[in-house]
Amino acid sequence: MKEQLSKYLIRYANFNKLDLNLIYNTCSIQSYNKKDFLLKQNSVCKYKYFILEGLVRQYRVEDNGNENISVFGIENWWITNLDSFLNETGSINSIQALEKTTVLQITKTELEELYLKIPVLERVFRKITENMLIALQRKNEIFMKKNSKERYYNMLEQIPGFSQRVPQYMIASYLNITPEYLSDIRKNK
């Protein structure tokens, strides 16, 4: 687990072993079973989560009862509700494990303390946040420019093997289409 986080972080900057150990030891390890919540809607998001193994979804339940999935998270991805985490307000989304999931989690206070001790880490998290924003921007562009079928195949191309791990109705929710229409897309390859 320590090696997995270290490999991830050194993609962004050089760290010495002491710094990597301090970062790892500041995080806590938490395991979640399938369907467990890392964060419930309306609760304050207390952690940034680094997914060591497993799969999660971030979603909200609309007033009409429909689930609207905005993000999936897989191994070696960070996930949080950034607004709730930074501003300590109730989250409009939930984060739920879709399979047995193990994460490293870190609080805002712990992260701020690490930024002071290891200044390059703040730059690394800025880059990580920028990459998350770029991914959201690309998703929005794809949703505006491509039809449902193209969005589906783009998702399969970007995250190979993903569709075997997620129920089809959740993929449909993420793509903002009905499960029936997704079924038609898959039948008519």
N, C-alpha and C. Protein backbone atom coordinates (compact mmCIF):
# COMPACT_ATOMS: atom_id res chain seq x y z
N MET A 1 0.82 -1.19 0.00
CA MET A 1 0.00 0.00 0.00
C MET A 1 0.86 1.26 0.00
N LYS A 2 1.90 1.22 0.80
CA LYS A 2 2.81 2.37 0.86
C LYS A 2 3.48 2.56 -0.50
N GLU A 3 3.89 1.44 -1.11
CA GLU A 3 4.54 1.51 -2.42
C GLU A 3 3.58 2.03 -3.49
N GLN A 4 2.31 1.63 -3.41
CA GLN A 4 1.31 2.07 -4.38
C GLN A 4 1.13 3.59 -4.31
N LEU A 5 1.02 4.13 -3.10
CA LEU A 5 0.89 5.59 -2.94
C LEU A 5 2.17 6.28 -3.39
N SER A 6 3.30 5.72 -3.03
CA SER A 6 4.59 6.33 -3.42
C SER A 6 4.74 6.40 -4.93
N LYS A 7 4.43 5.30 -5.62
CA LYS A 7 4.51 5.31 -7.09
C LYS A 7 3.60 6.36 -7.68
N TYR A 8 2.41 6.51 -7.10
CA TYR A 8 1.48 7.51 -7.58
C TYR A 8 2.05 8.92 -7.39
N LEU A 9 2.53 9.23 -6.20
CA LEU A 9 2.99 10.58 -5.90
C LEU A 9 4.25 10.98 -6.68
N ILE A 10 5.16 10.04 -6.90
CA ILE A 10 6.40 10.41 -7.59
C ILE A 10 6.18 10.63 -9.09
N ARG A 11 4.99 10.35 -9.57
CA ARG A 11 4.66 10.74 -10.94
C ARG A 11 4.58 12.26 -11.06
N TYR A 12 4.31 12.92 -9.95
CA TYR A 12 4.11 14.37 -9.95
C TYR A 12 5.32 15.16 -9.44
N ALA A 13 6.13 14.56 -8.57
CA ALA A 13 7.28 15.28 -8.00
C ALA A 13 8.21 14.27 -7.33
N ASN A 14 9.42 14.73 -7.08
CA ASN A 14 10.38 13.88 -6.37
C ASN A 14 10.18 14.03 -4.87
N PHE A 15 10.11 12.91 -4.20
CA PHE A 15 9.99 12.88 -2.74
C PHE A 15 11.09 11.97 -2.21
N ASN A 16 11.62 12.31 -1.03
CA ASN A 16 12.55 11.38 -0.40
C ASN A 16 11.74 10.37 0.42
N LYS A 17 12.41 9.32 0.86
CA LYS A 17 11.70 8.25 1.58
C LYS A 17 11.08 8.72 2.88
N LEU A 18 11.74 9.64 3.57
CA LEU A 18 11.18 10.16 4.82
C LEU A 18 9.87 10.88 4.57
N ASP A 19 9.83 11.70 3.52
CA ASP A 19 8.59 12.42 3.19
C ASP A 19 7.48 11.45 2.80
N LEU A 20 7.82 10.47 1.98
CA LEU A 20 6.81 9.48 1.57
C LEU A 20 6.27 8.71 2.78
N ASN A 21 7.17 8.35 3.71
CA ASN A 21 6.73 7.66 4.92
C ASN A 21 5.81 8.55 5.76
N LEU A 22 6.16 9.83 5.87
CA LEU A 22 5.34 10.76 6.64
C LEU A 22 3.95 10.91 6.02
N ILE A 23 3.90 11.03 4.71
CA ILE A 23 2.61 11.15 4.01
C ILE A 23 1.78 9.89 4.27
N TYR A 24 2.38 8.73 4.04
CA TYR A 24 1.66 7.46 4.21
C TYR A 24 1.19 7.29 5.65
N ASN A 25 2.07 7.58 6.61
CA ASN A 25 1.73 7.38 8.02
C ASN A 25 0.70 8.39 8.52
N THR A 26 0.56 9.51 7.84
CA THR A 26 -0.46 10.49 8.22
C THR A 26 -1.84 10.04 7.77
N CYS A 27 -1.88 9.30 6.67
CA CYS A 27 -3.16 8.78 6.17
C CYS A 27 -3.61 7.61 7.04
N SER A 28 -4.88 7.38 7.09
CA SER A 28 -5.39 6.18 7.75
C SER A 28 -5.96 5.26 6.68
N ILE A 29 -5.87 3.97 6.94
CA ILE A 29 -6.38 2.95 6.02
C ILE A 29 -7.78 2.58 6.47
N GLN A 30 -8.69 2.53 5.52
CA GLN A 30 -10.07 2.16 5.82
C GLN A 30 -10.58 1.23 4.74
N SER A 31 -11.27 0.20 5.14
CA SER A 31 -11.89 -0.72 4.18
C SER A 31 -13.40 -0.59 4.26
N TYR A 32 -14.02 -0.70 3.10
CA TYR A 32 -15.48 -0.62 2.99
C TYR A 32 -15.98 -1.83 2.22
N ASN A 33 -17.08 -2.38 2.67
CA ASN A 33 -17.72 -3.46 1.94
C ASN A 33 -18.58 -2.88 0.83
N LYS A 34 -18.96 -3.73 -0.08
CA LYS A 34 -19.86 -3.33 -1.16
C LYS A 34 -21.11 -2.69 -0.54
N LYS A 35 -21.51 -1.55 -1.07
CA LYS A 35 -22.67 -0.76 -0.68
C LYS A 35 -22.44 0.12 0.55
N ASP A 36 -21.27 0.02 1.21
CA ASP A 36 -20.96 0.91 2.33
C ASP A 36 -20.76 2.34 1.81
N PHE A 37 -21.09 3.30 2.64
CA PHE A 37 -20.91 4.70 2.28
C PHE A 37 -19.61 5.25 2.85
N LEU A 38 -18.83 5.89 1.99
CA LEU A 38 -17.69 6.66 2.45
C LEU A 38 -18.18 8.04 2.89
N LEU A 39 -19.25 8.50 2.24
CA LEU A 39 -19.85 9.80 2.52
C LEU A 39 -21.33 9.71 2.21
N LYS A 40 -22.16 10.22 3.11
CA LYS A 40 -23.61 10.26 2.85
C LYS A 40 -24.02 11.68 2.50
N GLN A 41 -24.97 11.78 1.60
CA GLN A 41 -25.52 13.06 1.18
C GLN A 41 -25.94 13.85 2.42
N ASN A 42 -25.63 15.14 2.42
CA ASN A 42 -25.92 16.10 3.49
C ASN A 42 -24.93 16.05 4.65
N SER A 43 -24.02 15.07 4.67
CA SER A 43 -22.97 15.03 5.70
C SER A 43 -21.77 15.83 5.21
N VAL A 44 -20.94 16.25 6.15
CA VAL A 44 -19.71 16.95 5.80
C VAL A 44 -18.66 15.93 5.38
N CYS A 45 -18.02 16.18 4.25
CA CYS A 45 -16.96 15.29 3.76
C CYS A 45 -15.68 15.59 4.54
N LYS A 46 -15.24 14.64 5.34
CA LYS A 46 -14.10 14.86 6.22
C LYS A 46 -12.77 14.39 5.63
N TYR A 47 -12.82 13.70 4.47
CA TYR A 47 -11.60 13.09 3.94
C TYR A 47 -11.45 13.29 2.44
N LYS A 48 -10.19 13.25 2.02
CA LYS A 48 -9.85 12.95 0.64
C LYS A 48 -9.46 11.47 0.68
N TYR A 49 -9.94 10.73 -0.31
CA TYR A 49 -9.72 9.28 -0.33
C TYR A 49 -8.85 8.91 -1.52
N PHE A 50 -7.80 8.13 -1.26
CA PHE A 50 -6.98 7.54 -2.32
C PHE A 50 -7.38 6.07 -2.40
N ILE A 51 -7.90 5.67 -3.53
CA ILE A 51 -8.42 4.31 -3.67
C ILE A 51 -7.27 3.34 -3.95
N LEU A 52 -7.02 2.46 -3.00
CA LEU A 52 -5.98 1.45 -3.16
C LEU A 52 -6.50 0.27 -3.97
N GLU A 53 -7.69 -0.15 -3.64
CA GLU A 53 -8.35 -1.20 -4.42
C GLU A 53 -9.86 -1.00 -4.29
N GLY A 54 -10.55 -1.35 -5.36
CA GLY A 54 -12.00 -1.25 -5.32
C GLY A 54 -12.54 -0.21 -6.28
N LEU A 55 -13.79 0.12 -6.07
CA LEU A 55 -14.54 0.97 -6.99
C LEU A 55 -15.61 1.70 -6.20
N VAL A 56 -15.75 2.99 -6.45
CA VAL A 56 -16.78 3.79 -5.79
C VAL A 56 -17.53 4.62 -6.82
N ARG A 57 -18.68 5.10 -6.40
CA ARG A 57 -19.42 6.04 -7.23
C ARG A 57 -19.76 7.25 -6.37
N GLN A 58 -19.81 8.41 -7.01
CA GLN A 58 -20.28 9.63 -6.35
C GLN A 58 -21.59 10.00 -7.04
N TYR A 59 -22.63 10.17 -6.25
CA TYR A 59 -23.94 10.41 -6.84
C TYR A 59 -24.81 11.20 -5.87
N ARG A 60 -25.91 11.69 -6.39
CA ARG A 60 -26.91 12.32 -5.53
C ARG A 60 -28.28 11.77 -5.91
N VAL A 61 -29.16 11.80 -4.94
CA VAL A 61 -30.54 11.40 -5.17
C VAL A 61 -31.33 12.68 -5.41
N GLU A 62 -31.95 12.74 -6.58
CA GLU A 62 -32.74 13.91 -6.95
C GLU A 62 -34.07 13.91 -6.19
N ASP A 63 -34.77 15.02 -6.22
CA ASP A 63 -36.06 15.14 -5.53
C ASP A 63 -37.07 14.10 -6.00
N ASN A 64 -36.96 13.68 -7.27
CA ASN A 64 -37.89 12.68 -7.81
C ASN A 64 -37.46 11.24 -7.47
N GLY A 65 -36.37 11.10 -6.70
CA GLY A 65 -35.90 9.78 -6.29
C GLY A 65 -34.88 9.14 -7.21
N ASN A 66 -34.64 9.74 -8.37
CA ASN A 66 -33.65 9.20 -9.31
C ASN A 66 -32.24 9.47 -8.82
N GLU A 67 -31.37 8.51 -9.07
CA GLU A 67 -29.95 8.68 -8.75
C GLU A 67 -29.24 9.28 -9.94
N ASN A 68 -28.39 10.25 -9.67
CA ASN A 68 -27.62 10.92 -10.72
C ASN A 68 -26.14 10.72 -10.39
N ILE A 69 -25.50 9.80 -11.11
CA ILE A 69 -24.09 9.49 -10.85
C ILE A 69 -23.22 10.48 -11.62
N SER A 70 -22.34 11.16 -10.89
CA SER A 70 -21.47 12.16 -11.53
C SER A 70 -20.05 11.65 -11.74
N VAL A 71 -19.59 10.74 -10.88
CA VAL A 71 -18.20 10.29 -10.95
C VAL A 71 -18.11 8.85 -10.46
N PHE A 72 -17.23 8.10 -11.11
CA PHE A 72 -16.79 6.81 -10.58
C PHE A 72 -15.34 6.96 -10.18
N GLY A 73 -14.91 6.22 -9.21
CA GLY A 73 -13.50 6.23 -8.80
C GLY A 73 -12.97 4.82 -8.75
N ILE A 74 -11.77 4.63 -9.30
CA ILE A 74 -11.13 3.31 -9.33
C ILE A 74 -9.75 3.41 -8.70
N GLU A 75 -9.05 2.30 -8.71
CA GLU A 75 -7.73 2.22 -8.11
C GLU A 75 -6.82 3.36 -8.60
N ASN A 76 -6.07 3.90 -7.65
CA ASN A 76 -5.08 4.95 -7.89
C ASN A 76 -5.72 6.29 -8.28
N TRP A 77 -6.97 6.48 -7.91
CA TRP A 77 -7.64 7.77 -8.10
C TRP A 77 -7.96 8.35 -6.73
N TRP A 78 -7.94 9.66 -6.66
CA TRP A 78 -8.42 10.38 -5.48
C TRP A 78 -9.88 10.71 -5.70
N ILE A 79 -10.65 10.64 -4.64
CA ILE A 79 -12.05 11.06 -4.72
C ILE A 79 -12.43 11.76 -3.42
N THR A 80 -13.24 12.77 -3.56
CA THR A 80 -13.78 13.52 -2.43
C THR A 80 -14.93 14.36 -2.95
N ASN A 81 -15.66 14.98 -2.07
CA ASN A 81 -16.57 16.03 -2.48
C ASN A 81 -15.84 17.31 -2.10
N LEU A 82 -15.21 17.93 -3.07
CA LEU A 82 -14.28 19.03 -2.82
C LEU A 82 -14.93 20.21 -2.11
N ASP A 83 -16.13 20.60 -2.53
CA ASP A 83 -16.81 21.72 -1.89
C ASP A 83 -17.04 21.43 -0.41
N SER A 84 -17.58 20.28 -0.11
CA SER A 84 -17.85 19.91 1.28
C SER A 84 -16.56 19.75 2.08
N PHE A 85 -15.54 19.16 1.47
CA PHE A 85 -14.25 18.94 2.14
C PHE A 85 -13.59 20.27 2.50
N LEU A 86 -13.54 21.19 1.54
CA LEU A 86 -12.84 22.46 1.77
C LEU A 86 -13.65 23.43 2.62
N ASN A 87 -14.95 23.48 2.38
CA ASN A 87 -15.79 24.48 3.06
C ASN A 87 -16.53 23.93 4.28
N GLU A 88 -16.35 22.65 4.54
CA GLU A 88 -16.96 21.99 5.70
C GLU A 88 -18.47 22.22 5.76
N THR A 89 -19.10 22.02 4.59
CA THR A 89 -20.55 22.13 4.46
C THR A 89 -21.12 20.77 4.10
N GLY A 90 -22.41 20.64 4.21
CA GLY A 90 -23.05 19.38 3.85
C GLY A 90 -22.86 19.07 2.37
N SER A 91 -22.58 17.84 2.08
CA SER A 91 -22.35 17.40 0.71
C SER A 91 -23.67 17.19 -0.02
N ILE A 92 -23.73 17.61 -1.27
CA ILE A 92 -24.93 17.33 -2.07
C ILE A 92 -24.87 15.92 -2.65
N ASN A 93 -23.72 15.25 -2.50
CA ASN A 93 -23.51 13.91 -3.06
C ASN A 93 -23.20 12.90 -1.98
N SER A 94 -23.38 11.65 -2.32
CA SER A 94 -22.91 10.52 -1.52
C SER A 94 -21.76 9.87 -2.28
N ILE A 95 -20.88 9.20 -1.55
CA ILE A 95 -19.84 8.36 -2.15
C ILE A 95 -20.05 6.97 -1.58
N GLN A 96 -20.22 5.99 -2.47
CA GLN A 96 -20.55 4.64 -2.05
C GLN A 96 -19.65 3.62 -2.74
N ALA A 97 -19.22 2.62 -1.98
CA ALA A 97 -18.42 1.52 -2.53
C ALA A 97 -19.31 0.62 -3.37
N LEU A 98 -18.85 0.29 -4.58
CA LEU A 98 -19.58 -0.63 -5.46
C LEU A 98 -19.02 -2.04 -5.39
N GLU A 99 -17.87 -2.17 -4.77
CA GLU A 99 -17.25 -3.46 -4.49
C GLU A 99 -16.37 -3.26 -3.26
N LYS A 100 -15.85 -4.32 -2.72
CA LYS A 100 -14.99 -4.17 -1.55
C LYS A 100 -13.89 -3.18 -1.91
N THR A 101 -13.75 -2.16 -1.08
CA THR A 101 -12.85 -1.04 -1.40
C THR A 101 -11.98 -0.71 -0.21
N THR A 102 -10.69 -0.51 -0.48
CA THR A 102 -9.75 -0.08 0.55
C THR A 102 -9.16 1.25 0.12
N VAL A 103 -9.17 2.20 1.05
CA VAL A 103 -8.68 3.54 0.75
C VAL A 103 -7.67 3.98 1.80
N LEU A 104 -6.84 4.94 1.38
CA LEU A 104 -6.10 5.76 2.33
C LEU A 104 -6.90 7.04 2.43
N GLN A 105 -7.14 7.51 3.63
CA GLN A 105 -7.92 8.73 3.77
C GLN A 105 -7.14 9.73 4.62
N ILE A 106 -7.34 11.01 4.29
CA ILE A 106 -6.64 12.07 5.00
C ILE A 106 -7.60 13.23 5.22
N THR A 107 -7.53 13.82 6.40
CA THR A 107 -8.39 14.95 6.73
C THR A 107 -7.80 16.24 6.20
N LYS A 108 -8.61 17.26 6.17
CA LYS A 108 -8.17 18.59 5.73
C LYS A 108 -7.06 19.10 6.64
N THR A 109 -7.22 18.96 7.94
CA THR A 109 -6.20 19.42 8.89
C THR A 109 -4.89 18.67 8.70
N GLU A 110 -4.97 17.35 8.54
CA GLU A 110 -3.75 16.55 8.32
C GLU A 110 -3.06 16.97 7.03
N LEU A 111 -3.84 17.21 6.00
CA LEU A 111 -3.28 17.60 4.71
C LEU A 111 -2.61 18.97 4.81
N GLU A 112 -3.26 19.91 5.48
CA GLU A 112 -2.67 21.25 5.66
C GLU A 112 -1.35 21.17 6.43
N GLU A 113 -1.30 20.31 7.44
CA GLU A 113 -0.05 20.13 8.21
C GLU A 113 1.05 19.54 7.33
N LEU A 114 0.68 18.59 6.47
CA LEU A 114 1.67 18.01 5.55
C LEU A 114 2.17 19.06 4.55
N TYR A 115 1.30 19.95 4.11
CA TYR A 115 1.71 21.01 3.18
C TYR A 115 2.81 21.87 3.81
N LEU A 116 2.71 22.12 5.10
CA LEU A 116 3.72 22.92 5.79
C LEU A 116 5.04 22.15 5.94
N LYS A 117 4.94 20.87 6.20
CA LYS A 117 6.14 20.04 6.40
C LYS A 117 6.80 19.64 5.08
N ILE A 118 5.97 19.45 4.04
CA ILE A 118 6.46 19.00 2.73
C ILE A 118 5.85 19.92 1.68
N PRO A 119 6.42 21.11 1.46
CA PRO A 119 5.79 22.09 0.57
C PRO A 119 5.49 21.58 -0.84
N VAL A 120 6.30 20.69 -1.37
CA VAL A 120 6.07 20.19 -2.73
C VAL A 120 4.74 19.42 -2.81
N LEU A 121 4.27 18.91 -1.69
CA LEU A 121 3.01 18.16 -1.69
C LEU A 121 1.84 19.05 -2.07
N GLU A 122 1.88 20.31 -1.67
CA GLU A 122 0.80 21.22 -2.05
C GLU A 122 0.75 21.39 -3.56
N ARG A 123 1.93 21.48 -4.18
CA ARG A 123 1.99 21.59 -5.64
C ARG A 123 1.46 20.31 -6.29
N VAL A 124 1.78 19.17 -5.71
CA VAL A 124 1.30 17.89 -6.22
C VAL A 124 -0.23 17.84 -6.17
N PHE A 125 -0.82 18.24 -5.05
CA PHE A 125 -2.28 18.22 -4.96
C PHE A 125 -2.91 19.28 -5.86
N ARG A 126 -2.21 20.35 -6.12
CA ARG A 126 -2.71 21.32 -7.11
C ARG A 126 -2.77 20.65 -8.47
N LYS A 127 -1.73 19.91 -8.84
CA LYS A 127 -1.71 19.21 -10.13
C LYS A 127 -2.81 18.14 -10.18
N ILE A 128 -3.00 17.42 -9.09
CA ILE A 128 -4.04 16.40 -9.04
C ILE A 128 -5.41 17.05 -9.22
N THR A 129 -5.63 18.16 -8.54
CA THR A 129 -6.90 18.88 -8.66
C THR A 129 -7.08 19.42 -10.07
N GLU A 130 -6.01 19.94 -10.66
CA GLU A 130 -6.09 20.41 -12.05
C GLU A 130 -6.47 19.26 -12.98
N ASN A 131 -5.88 18.10 -12.77
CA ASN A 131 -6.21 16.93 -13.61
C ASN A 131 -7.67 16.52 -13.43
N MET A 132 -8.18 16.61 -12.20
CA MET A 132 -9.59 16.28 -11.98
C MET A 132 -10.48 17.29 -12.70
N LEU A 133 -10.12 18.55 -12.66
CA LEU A 133 -10.90 19.57 -13.35
C LEU A 133 -10.86 19.39 -14.86
N ILE A 134 -9.69 19.03 -15.38
CA ILE A 134 -9.56 18.77 -16.81
C ILE A 134 -10.45 17.58 -17.20
N ALA A 135 -10.44 16.53 -16.37
CA ALA A 135 -11.28 15.36 -16.66
C ALA A 135 -12.76 15.74 -16.67
N LEU A 136 -13.18 16.57 -15.73
CA LEU A 136 -14.58 17.03 -15.72
C LEU A 136 -14.90 17.89 -16.94
N GLN A 137 -13.96 18.74 -17.31
CA GLN A 137 -14.17 19.57 -18.50
C GLN A 137 -14.28 18.70 -19.74
N ARG A 138 -13.41 17.71 -19.87
CA ARG A 138 -13.48 16.80 -21.02
C ARG A 138 -14.79 16.02 -21.03
N LYS A 139 -15.22 15.58 -19.85
CA LYS A 139 -16.50 14.87 -19.76
C LYS A 139 -17.62 15.78 -20.26
N ASN A 140 -17.63 17.01 -19.79
CA ASN A 140 -18.67 17.95 -20.23
C ASN A 140 -18.62 18.18 -21.73
N GLU A 141 -17.42 18.31 -22.29
CA GLU A 141 -17.29 18.51 -23.73
C GLU A 141 -17.79 17.29 -24.50
N ILE A 142 -17.45 16.11 -24.01
CA ILE A 142 -17.90 14.88 -24.65
C ILE A 142 -19.42 14.80 -24.60
N PHE A 143 -20.00 15.14 -23.46
CA PHE A 143 -21.45 15.09 -23.32
C PHE A 143 -22.14 16.10 -24.23
N MET A 144 -21.49 17.23 -24.50
CA MET A 144 -22.09 18.24 -25.37
C MET A 144 -21.91 17.90 -26.84
N LYS A 145 -20.81 17.27 -27.20
CA LYS A 145 -20.47 17.07 -28.61
C LYS A 145 -20.85 15.69 -29.15
N LYS A 146 -20.93 14.70 -28.29
CA LYS A 146 -21.14 13.33 -28.78
C LYS A 146 -22.52 12.83 -28.41
N ASN A 147 -23.01 11.92 -29.22
CA ASN A 147 -24.29 11.30 -28.90
C ASN A 147 -24.07 10.21 -27.85
N SER A 148 -25.15 9.62 -27.39
CA SER A 148 -25.09 8.63 -26.30
C SER A 148 -24.20 7.44 -26.64
N LYS A 149 -24.33 6.96 -27.86
CA LYS A 149 -23.54 5.81 -28.28
C LYS A 149 -22.04 6.15 -28.27
N GLU A 150 -21.68 7.31 -28.78
CA GLU A 150 -20.28 7.74 -28.79
C GLU A 150 -19.75 7.94 -27.37
N ARG A 151 -20.59 8.47 -26.49
CA ARG A 151 -20.17 8.66 -25.09
C ARG A 151 -19.88 7.32 -24.43
N TYR A 152 -20.73 6.34 -24.71
CA TYR A 152 -20.54 5.01 -24.13
C TYR A 152 -19.23 4.40 -24.60
N TYR A 153 -18.99 4.43 -25.91
CA TYR A 153 -17.76 3.83 -26.42
C TYR A 153 -16.52 4.63 -26.01
N ASN A 154 -16.64 5.91 -25.85
CA ASN A 154 -15.53 6.71 -25.35
C ASN A 154 -15.18 6.28 -23.92
N MET A 155 -16.21 6.07 -23.09
CA MET A 155 -15.98 5.63 -21.72
C MET A 155 -15.28 4.27 -21.69
N LEU A 156 -15.74 3.34 -22.54
CA LEU A 156 -15.11 2.02 -22.60
C LEU A 156 -13.65 2.11 -23.01
N GLU A 157 -13.36 3.02 -23.93
CA GLU A 157 -11.99 3.20 -24.40
C GLU A 157 -11.10 3.82 -23.32
N GLN A 158 -11.64 4.77 -22.58
CA GLN A 158 -10.86 5.47 -21.57
C GLN A 158 -10.57 4.61 -20.34
N ILE A 159 -11.52 3.74 -19.99
CA ILE A 159 -11.35 2.91 -18.79
C ILE A 159 -11.65 1.46 -19.16
N PRO A 160 -10.69 0.76 -19.76
CA PRO A 160 -10.92 -0.64 -20.17
C PRO A 160 -11.31 -1.52 -18.98
N GLY A 161 -12.24 -2.42 -19.21
CA GLY A 161 -12.67 -3.35 -18.18
C GLY A 161 -13.67 -2.78 -17.19
N PHE A 162 -13.90 -1.49 -17.28
CA PHE A 162 -14.78 -0.80 -16.34
C PHE A 162 -16.21 -1.32 -16.43
N SER A 163 -16.70 -1.54 -17.63
CA SER A 163 -18.11 -1.91 -17.80
C SER A 163 -18.43 -3.28 -17.19
N GLN A 164 -17.42 -4.12 -16.97
CA GLN A 164 -17.66 -5.41 -16.34
C GLN A 164 -17.77 -5.27 -14.82
N ARG A 165 -17.34 -4.14 -14.29
CA ARG A 165 -17.33 -3.95 -12.84
C ARG A 165 -18.54 -3.17 -12.32
N VAL A 166 -19.27 -2.53 -13.22
CA VAL A 166 -20.35 -1.62 -12.82
C VAL A 166 -21.66 -2.10 -13.41
N PRO A 167 -22.73 -2.14 -12.61
CA PRO A 167 -24.03 -2.50 -13.17
C PRO A 167 -24.43 -1.55 -14.31
N GLN A 168 -25.08 -2.10 -15.31
CA GLN A 168 -25.42 -1.32 -16.49
C GLN A 168 -26.34 -0.14 -16.18
N TYR A 169 -27.24 -0.28 -15.21
CA TYR A 169 -28.12 0.84 -14.89
C TYR A 169 -27.33 2.02 -14.31
N MET A 170 -26.19 1.73 -13.66
CA MET A 170 -25.35 2.82 -13.14
C MET A 170 -24.58 3.50 -14.27
N ILE A 171 -24.12 2.71 -15.23
CA ILE A 171 -23.46 3.31 -16.39
C ILE A 171 -24.46 4.19 -17.13
N ALA A 172 -25.70 3.72 -17.26
CA ALA A 172 -26.74 4.52 -17.91
C ALA A 172 -26.96 5.83 -17.15
N SER A 173 -27.00 5.78 -15.84
CA SER A 173 -27.17 6.99 -15.03
C SER A 173 -26.01 7.96 -15.27
N TYR A 174 -24.81 7.43 -15.28
CA TYR A 174 -23.62 8.26 -15.52
C TYR A 174 -23.68 8.92 -16.90
N LEU A 175 -24.13 8.16 -17.89
CA LEU A 175 -24.22 8.68 -19.26
C LEU A 175 -25.47 9.51 -19.51
N ASN A 176 -26.34 9.56 -18.51
CA ASN A 176 -27.59 10.31 -18.59
C ASN A 176 -28.52 9.77 -19.69
N ILE A 177 -28.62 8.44 -19.73
CA ILE A 177 -29.53 7.77 -20.66
C ILE A 177 -30.30 6.71 -19.88
N THR A 178 -31.32 6.15 -20.49
CA THR A 178 -32.08 5.11 -19.81
C THR A 178 -31.34 3.77 -19.92
N PRO A 179 -31.56 2.88 -18.96
CA PRO A 179 -30.95 1.55 -19.06
C PRO A 179 -31.38 0.81 -20.33
N GLU A 180 -32.61 1.03 -20.75
CA GLU A 180 -33.11 0.36 -21.96
C GLU A 180 -32.33 0.83 -23.20
N TYR A 181 -32.08 2.13 -23.26
CA TYR A 181 -31.34 2.65 -24.40
C TYR A 181 -29.88 2.14 -24.38
N LEU A 182 -29.29 2.06 -23.21
CA LEU A 182 -27.94 1.49 -23.11
C LEU A 182 -27.94 0.05 -23.58
N SER A 183 -28.95 -0.70 -23.22
CA SER A 183 -29.07 -2.08 -23.67
C SER A 183 -29.12 -2.16 -25.20
N ASP A 184 -29.87 -1.26 -25.81
CA ASP A 184 -29.94 -1.21 -27.28
C ASP A 184 -28.58 -0.88 -27.89
N ILE A 185 -27.87 0.05 -27.29
CA ILE A 185 -26.53 0.42 -27.78
C ILE A 185 -25.62 -0.80 -27.75
N ARG A 186 -25.66 -1.52 -26.64
CA ARG A 186 -24.78 -2.68 -26.48
C ARG A 186 -25.15 -3.81 -27.45
N LYS A 187 -26.43 -3.98 -27.74
CA LYS A 187 -26.87 -5.03 -28.68
C LYS A 187 -26.45 -4.71 -30.10
N ASN A 188 -26.46 -3.45 -30.46
CA ASN A 188 -26.21 -3.03 -31.85
C ASN A 188 -24.78 -2.48 -32.04
N LYS A 189 -23.83 -3.20 -31.55
CA LYS A 189 -22.42 -2.76 -31.66
C LYS A 189 -22.03 -2.50 -33.09
